[in-house]
């Protein structure tokens, strides 16, 4: 990375071996299902949580490249999720009825070309579990970039996972994004204090805190880091559209949902639920 690019200013390049991830989720449901041609070469039901992976990428910095490789003629039902996350689609036709589409090779070539051209790329995220990505991992690390891998727990090659600086299992990403507080059991006393109603602003704030906490490995995150994370998750977000004059007013409105304490570096925030 060029010396004039500071780590906090570095961008993220996200590369999806999309069909690989989708196939892994199909196989998790029914082993051998996706390998059959009559199941593979037809319109696919959406299984991948695109938003969860996109949010992970945003937690490492501003996303400069978001590129997914697939034979897209069968994946049109992902249209809305892909458009909402500004994913660039790379079409790859398999050269034969039973042949691979070569997504991993094309992905690796593009990743190496991009880090050679763009000095601001600090983190490379590869979504896929194949051991085929091991050679490019060595090149990315030799170039001084941080490599993060994402793949399903059952289908990820363990050697590929260990070749990354950091590896996140897709299964955990989806579970983390979908966790909701359980209602109190009848044996627990009910709180009489009013709790703010959940809404889009509170949900986005919570997601930002969760991603920062996972990245830093600490449940307490810097208040100053939350607003930039929110804007990376949703560039169009405006507190005024949700009844808050500004970000500070929004933080005050969530007083019953968060804890704040002071530190040498500034206020720290923890989500109660």
Protein backbone atom coordinates (compact mmCIF):
# COMPACT_ATOMS: atom_id res chain seq x y z
CA UNK A 1 0.00 0.00 0.00
CA UNK A 2 1.43 3.44 -0.89
CA UNK A 3 2.78 5.35 2.11
CA UNK A 4 0.43 8.27 1.57
CA UNK A 5 -2.61 6.00 2.01
CA UNK A 6 -3.40 5.58 5.70
CA UNK A 7 -5.03 2.34 6.85
CA UNK A 8 -8.18 4.13 7.99
CA UNK A 9 -8.52 5.69 4.51
CA UNK A 10 -7.96 2.42 2.63
CA UNK A 11 -10.76 0.99 0.50
CA UNK A 12 -12.21 -2.51 0.24
CA UNK A 13 -12.40 -4.75 -2.83
CA UNK A 14 -15.11 -7.42 -2.57
CA UNK A 15 -15.11 -10.38 -4.97
CA UNK A 16 -17.87 -13.00 -4.97
CA UNK A 17 -17.62 -16.48 -6.43
CA UNK A 18 -21.38 -16.19 -6.30
CA UNK A 19 -22.43 -19.49 -7.79
CA UNK A 20 -19.99 -21.28 -5.50
CA UNK A 21 -21.67 -19.78 -2.43
CA UNK A 22 -25.17 -20.44 -3.76
CA UNK A 23 -24.24 -24.05 -4.59
CA UNK A 24 -22.85 -24.57 -1.09
CA UNK A 25 -26.13 -23.43 0.44
CA UNK A 26 -28.06 -25.75 -1.90
CA UNK A 27 -25.84 -28.66 -0.86
CA UNK A 28 -26.40 -27.80 2.81
CA UNK A 29 -30.11 -28.34 2.23
CA UNK A 30 -29.79 -31.51 0.15
CA UNK A 31 -26.46 -33.16 -0.61
CA UNK A 32 -25.88 -33.74 -4.32
CA UNK A 33 -28.77 -31.49 -5.35
CA UNK A 34 -26.87 -28.76 -7.18
CA UNK A 35 -24.54 -31.17 -8.97
CA UNK A 36 -27.37 -32.56 -11.08
CA UNK A 37 -27.75 -30.73 -14.38
CA UNK A 38 -31.55 -30.63 -14.21
CA UNK A 39 -31.24 -28.72 -10.91
CA UNK A 40 -28.25 -26.58 -11.80
CA UNK A 41 -29.34 -25.27 -15.19
CA UNK A 42 -32.66 -23.76 -14.21
CA UNK A 43 -33.88 -20.60 -12.47
CA UNK A 44 -32.49 -20.63 -8.93
CA UNK A 45 -34.33 -19.69 -5.78
CA UNK A 46 -32.45 -16.96 -3.83
CA UNK A 47 -30.60 -18.41 -0.83
CA UNK A 48 -27.65 -16.03 -0.36
CA UNK A 49 -28.08 -13.15 2.10
CA UNK A 50 -26.34 -10.52 -0.04
CA UNK A 51 -26.92 -7.79 2.54
CA UNK A 52 -25.09 -9.66 5.32
CA UNK A 53 -21.91 -10.04 3.25
CA UNK A 54 -22.10 -6.46 1.94
CA UNK A 55 -22.34 -5.18 5.53
CA UNK A 56 -19.31 -7.23 6.52
CA UNK A 57 -17.33 -5.63 3.69
CA UNK A 58 -18.45 -2.16 4.77
CA UNK A 59 -17.16 -2.82 8.27
CA UNK A 60 -13.60 -2.91 6.90
CA UNK A 61 -13.88 0.43 5.08
CA UNK A 62 -15.50 2.10 2.07
CA UNK A 63 -16.21 -0.47 -0.65
CA UNK A 64 -14.54 0.56 -3.91
CA UNK A 65 -15.05 -2.70 -5.84
CA UNK A 66 -18.01 -5.04 -5.42
CA UNK A 67 -17.91 -7.65 -8.16
CA UNK A 68 -19.73 -10.98 -8.42
CA UNK A 69 -18.94 -13.80 -10.87
CA UNK A 70 -21.65 -16.20 -11.99
CA UNK A 71 -23.68 -17.61 -14.86
CA UNK A 72 -26.35 -14.99 -14.22
CA UNK A 73 -28.94 -16.32 -16.67
CA UNK A 74 -30.30 -18.54 -13.89
CA UNK A 75 -29.96 -16.08 -10.98
CA UNK A 76 -32.39 -13.31 -11.91
CA UNK A 77 -34.30 -13.66 -8.66
CA UNK A 78 -31.36 -12.08 -6.85
CA UNK A 79 -31.93 -8.92 -8.90
CA UNK A 80 -33.24 -6.60 -6.17
CA UNK A 81 -30.68 -7.63 -3.53
CA UNK A 82 -27.81 -7.21 -5.99
CA UNK A 83 -29.01 -3.82 -7.21
CA UNK A 84 -29.57 -2.52 -3.68
CA UNK A 85 -25.97 -3.36 -2.81
CA UNK A 86 -24.44 -1.98 -6.03
CA UNK A 87 -22.92 -5.30 -7.09
CA UNK A 88 -21.19 -5.39 -10.47
CA UNK A 89 -22.20 -8.59 -12.27
CA UNK A 90 -19.64 -10.53 -14.31
CA UNK A 91 -21.31 -13.02 -16.67
CA UNK A 92 -19.50 -16.33 -17.17
CA UNK A 93 -20.91 -19.07 -19.38
CA UNK A 94 -19.69 -22.64 -18.71
CA UNK A 95 -17.91 -24.00 -21.80
CA UNK A 96 -19.77 -27.31 -21.55
CA UNK A 97 -22.79 -28.94 -19.96
CA UNK A 98 -20.83 -30.31 -17.01
CA UNK A 99 -17.91 -27.83 -17.03
CA UNK A 100 -17.12 -25.19 -14.43
CA UNK A 101 -17.68 -21.57 -15.41
CA UNK A 102 -14.11 -20.62 -14.47
CA UNK A 103 -15.24 -17.97 -12.00
CA UNK A 104 -12.38 -18.63 -9.58
CA UNK A 105 -9.72 -18.09 -12.27
CA UNK A 106 -11.33 -14.90 -13.59
CA UNK A 107 -11.82 -13.62 -10.03
CA UNK A 108 -8.16 -14.18 -9.12
CA UNK A 109 -6.90 -12.49 -12.30
CA UNK A 110 -9.12 -9.47 -11.69
CA UNK A 111 -8.11 -9.21 -8.03
CA UNK A 112 -4.41 -9.16 -8.91
CA UNK A 113 -4.95 -6.62 -11.66
CA UNK A 114 -6.98 -4.36 -9.36
CA UNK A 115 -4.50 -4.30 -6.49
CA UNK A 116 -1.75 -3.56 -9.00
CA UNK A 117 -3.69 -0.60 -10.46
CA UNK A 118 -5.33 0.83 -7.35
CA UNK A 119 -3.07 1.71 -4.44
CA UNK A 120 -6.00 2.71 -2.25
CA UNK A 121 -7.22 -0.89 -1.96
CA UNK A 122 -6.23 -1.99 1.54
CA UNK A 123 -8.50 -4.99 2.13
CA UNK A 124 -9.46 -7.73 -0.32
CA UNK A 125 -12.48 -9.90 0.54
CA UNK A 126 -13.03 -13.13 -1.40
CA UNK A 127 -16.35 -14.91 -1.02
CA UNK A 128 -15.82 -18.57 -1.81
CA UNK A 129 -14.58 -21.71 -0.11
CA UNK A 130 -12.38 -23.38 -2.77
CA UNK A 131 -8.74 -24.26 -2.24
CA UNK A 132 -8.25 -22.79 -5.75
CA UNK A 133 -7.95 -19.38 -4.07
CA UNK A 134 -4.83 -20.34 -2.09
CA UNK A 135 -2.29 -19.17 -4.71
CA UNK A 136 -3.86 -15.72 -5.00
CA UNK A 137 -3.88 -15.41 -1.21
CA UNK A 138 -0.08 -15.52 -1.24
CA UNK A 139 0.08 -12.79 -3.89
CA UNK A 140 -2.37 -10.54 -2.07
CA UNK A 141 -0.48 -10.84 1.20
CA UNK A 142 2.86 -10.29 -0.55
CA UNK A 143 1.42 -7.04 -1.96
CA UNK A 144 0.84 -5.84 1.61
CA UNK A 145 -2.95 -6.01 1.49
CA UNK A 146 -5.25 -7.57 4.09
CA UNK A 147 -7.07 -10.69 2.87
CA UNK A 148 -10.44 -11.68 4.32
CA UNK A 149 -12.20 -14.87 3.23
CA UNK A 150 -15.90 -15.74 3.50
CA UNK A 151 -17.39 -19.20 3.00
CA UNK A 152 -19.86 -21.70 4.39
CA UNK A 153 -18.69 -23.86 7.25
CA UNK A 154 -19.36 -27.21 5.54
CA UNK A 155 -17.92 -26.38 2.12
CA UNK A 156 -14.86 -24.26 2.93
CA UNK A 157 -11.44 -25.81 2.46
CA UNK A 158 -9.61 -25.46 5.77
CA UNK A 159 -6.27 -24.71 4.10
CA UNK A 160 -7.81 -21.82 2.18
CA UNK A 161 -9.36 -20.48 5.38
CA UNK A 162 -6.00 -20.58 7.17
CA UNK A 163 -4.26 -18.82 4.29
CA UNK A 164 -6.30 -15.63 4.92
CA UNK A 165 -5.48 -12.92 7.44
CA UNK A 166 -9.05 -13.35 8.66
CA UNK A 167 -11.81 -15.76 7.72
CA UNK A 168 -15.52 -15.34 8.43
CA UNK A 169 -18.00 -18.18 8.12
CA UNK A 170 -21.09 -17.16 6.16
CA UNK A 171 -23.27 -19.12 8.58
CA UNK A 172 -22.17 -16.86 11.45
CA UNK A 173 -22.73 -13.68 9.42
CA UNK A 174 -26.32 -14.62 8.71
CA UNK A 175 -26.99 -15.67 12.31
CA UNK A 176 -25.52 -12.40 13.60
CA UNK A 177 -27.58 -10.32 11.21
CA UNK A 178 -30.79 -12.08 12.18
CA UNK A 179 -30.49 -12.21 15.96
CA UNK A 180 -33.40 -10.57 17.76
CA UNK A 181 -34.01 -10.15 21.45
CA UNK A 182 -36.27 -12.88 22.85
CA UNK A 183 -39.38 -11.80 24.76
CA UNK A 184 -39.24 -12.08 28.51
CA UNK A 185 -40.45 -15.37 29.93
CA UNK A 186 -43.51 -15.33 32.25
CA UNK A 187 -41.20 -15.98 35.22
CA UNK A 188 -39.24 -12.78 34.58
CA UNK A 189 -40.52 -9.45 35.93
CA UNK A 190 -41.62 -7.07 33.21
CA UNK A 191 -39.91 -3.68 33.07
CA UNK A 192 -42.23 -0.75 33.57
CA UNK A 193 -39.86 1.67 31.83
CA UNK A 194 -40.97 2.58 28.31
CA UNK A 195 -38.77 1.09 25.59
CA UNK A 196 -38.38 2.98 22.31
CA UNK A 197 -40.13 1.32 19.40
CA UNK A 198 -37.78 -0.40 16.97
CA UNK A 199 -37.54 1.31 13.61
CA UNK A 200 -35.26 1.67 10.59
CA UNK A 201 -32.98 4.15 12.35
CA UNK A 202 -32.59 1.98 15.46
CA UNK A 203 -32.04 -1.11 13.32
CA UNK A 204 -29.33 0.60 11.27
CA UNK A 205 -27.65 1.96 14.41
CA UNK A 206 -27.67 -1.51 15.97
CA UNK A 207 -26.19 -3.10 12.84
CA UNK A 208 -23.42 -0.50 12.78
CA UNK A 209 -22.55 -1.16 16.44
CA UNK A 210 -22.62 -4.93 15.90
CA UNK A 211 -20.30 -4.80 12.88
CA UNK A 212 -17.85 -2.50 14.65
CA UNK A 213 -17.87 -4.75 17.71
CA UNK A 214 -17.18 -7.85 15.60
CA UNK A 215 -14.36 -6.11 13.73
CA UNK A 216 -12.69 -4.76 16.90
CA UNK A 217 -13.42 -7.81 19.06
CA UNK A 218 -14.94 -5.63 21.79
CA UNK A 219 -18.62 -5.00 22.59
CA UNK A 220 -17.80 -1.36 23.39
CA UNK A 221 -17.23 0.68 20.21
CA UNK A 222 -16.21 4.29 19.67
CA UNK A 223 -19.15 6.63 19.20
CA UNK A 224 -17.18 8.56 16.57
CA UNK A 225 -16.93 5.42 14.42
CA UNK A 226 -20.68 4.72 14.32
CA UNK A 227 -21.77 7.51 11.99
CA UNK A 228 -19.20 6.68 9.27
CA UNK A 229 -20.26 3.02 9.51
CA UNK A 230 -23.95 3.97 9.16
CA UNK A 231 -23.15 5.97 6.03
CA UNK A 232 -21.24 3.03 4.56
CA UNK A 233 -24.20 0.73 5.24
CA UNK A 234 -26.73 3.21 3.82
CA UNK A 235 -25.24 6.23 2.03
CA UNK A 236 -28.71 7.78 1.68
CA UNK A 237 -29.55 7.63 5.40
CA UNK A 238 -30.67 10.95 6.91
CA UNK A 239 -31.63 11.15 10.63
CA UNK A 240 -34.13 13.92 9.82
CA UNK A 241 -36.26 11.46 7.86
CA UNK A 242 -36.67 9.44 11.07
CA UNK A 243 -37.60 12.29 13.40
CA UNK A 244 -34.10 13.22 14.61
CA UNK A 245 -32.53 16.63 14.07
CA UNK A 246 -29.05 15.12 13.63
CA UNK A 247 -26.94 12.13 14.60
CA UNK A 248 -26.38 13.37 18.14
CA UNK A 249 -30.15 13.69 18.67
CA UNK A 250 -30.60 10.16 17.35
CA UNK A 251 -28.05 8.85 19.87
CA UNK A 252 -29.91 10.61 22.69
CA UNK A 253 -33.20 9.10 21.53
CA UNK A 254 -31.71 5.61 21.93
CA UNK A 255 -30.80 6.23 25.57
CA UNK A 256 -32.80 3.19 26.76
CA UNK A 257 -31.23 0.94 24.13
CA UNK A 258 -27.56 1.81 24.54
CA UNK A 259 -24.98 2.41 27.23
CA UNK A 260 -22.33 5.14 26.92
CA UNK A 261 -19.14 5.49 28.91
CA UNK A 262 -16.13 7.76 28.58
CA UNK A 263 -12.63 6.68 27.67
CA UNK A 264 -9.34 8.36 26.83
CA UNK A 265 -10.15 8.12 23.11
CA UNK A 266 -13.70 9.45 23.53
CA UNK A 267 -17.21 8.12 24.30
CA UNK A 268 -17.77 4.36 23.91
CA UNK A 269 -21.14 2.80 23.07
CA UNK A 270 -22.59 -0.61 23.91
CA UNK A 271 -25.95 -1.96 22.65
CA UNK A 272 -27.95 -3.31 25.57
CA UNK A 273 -30.02 -5.92 23.72
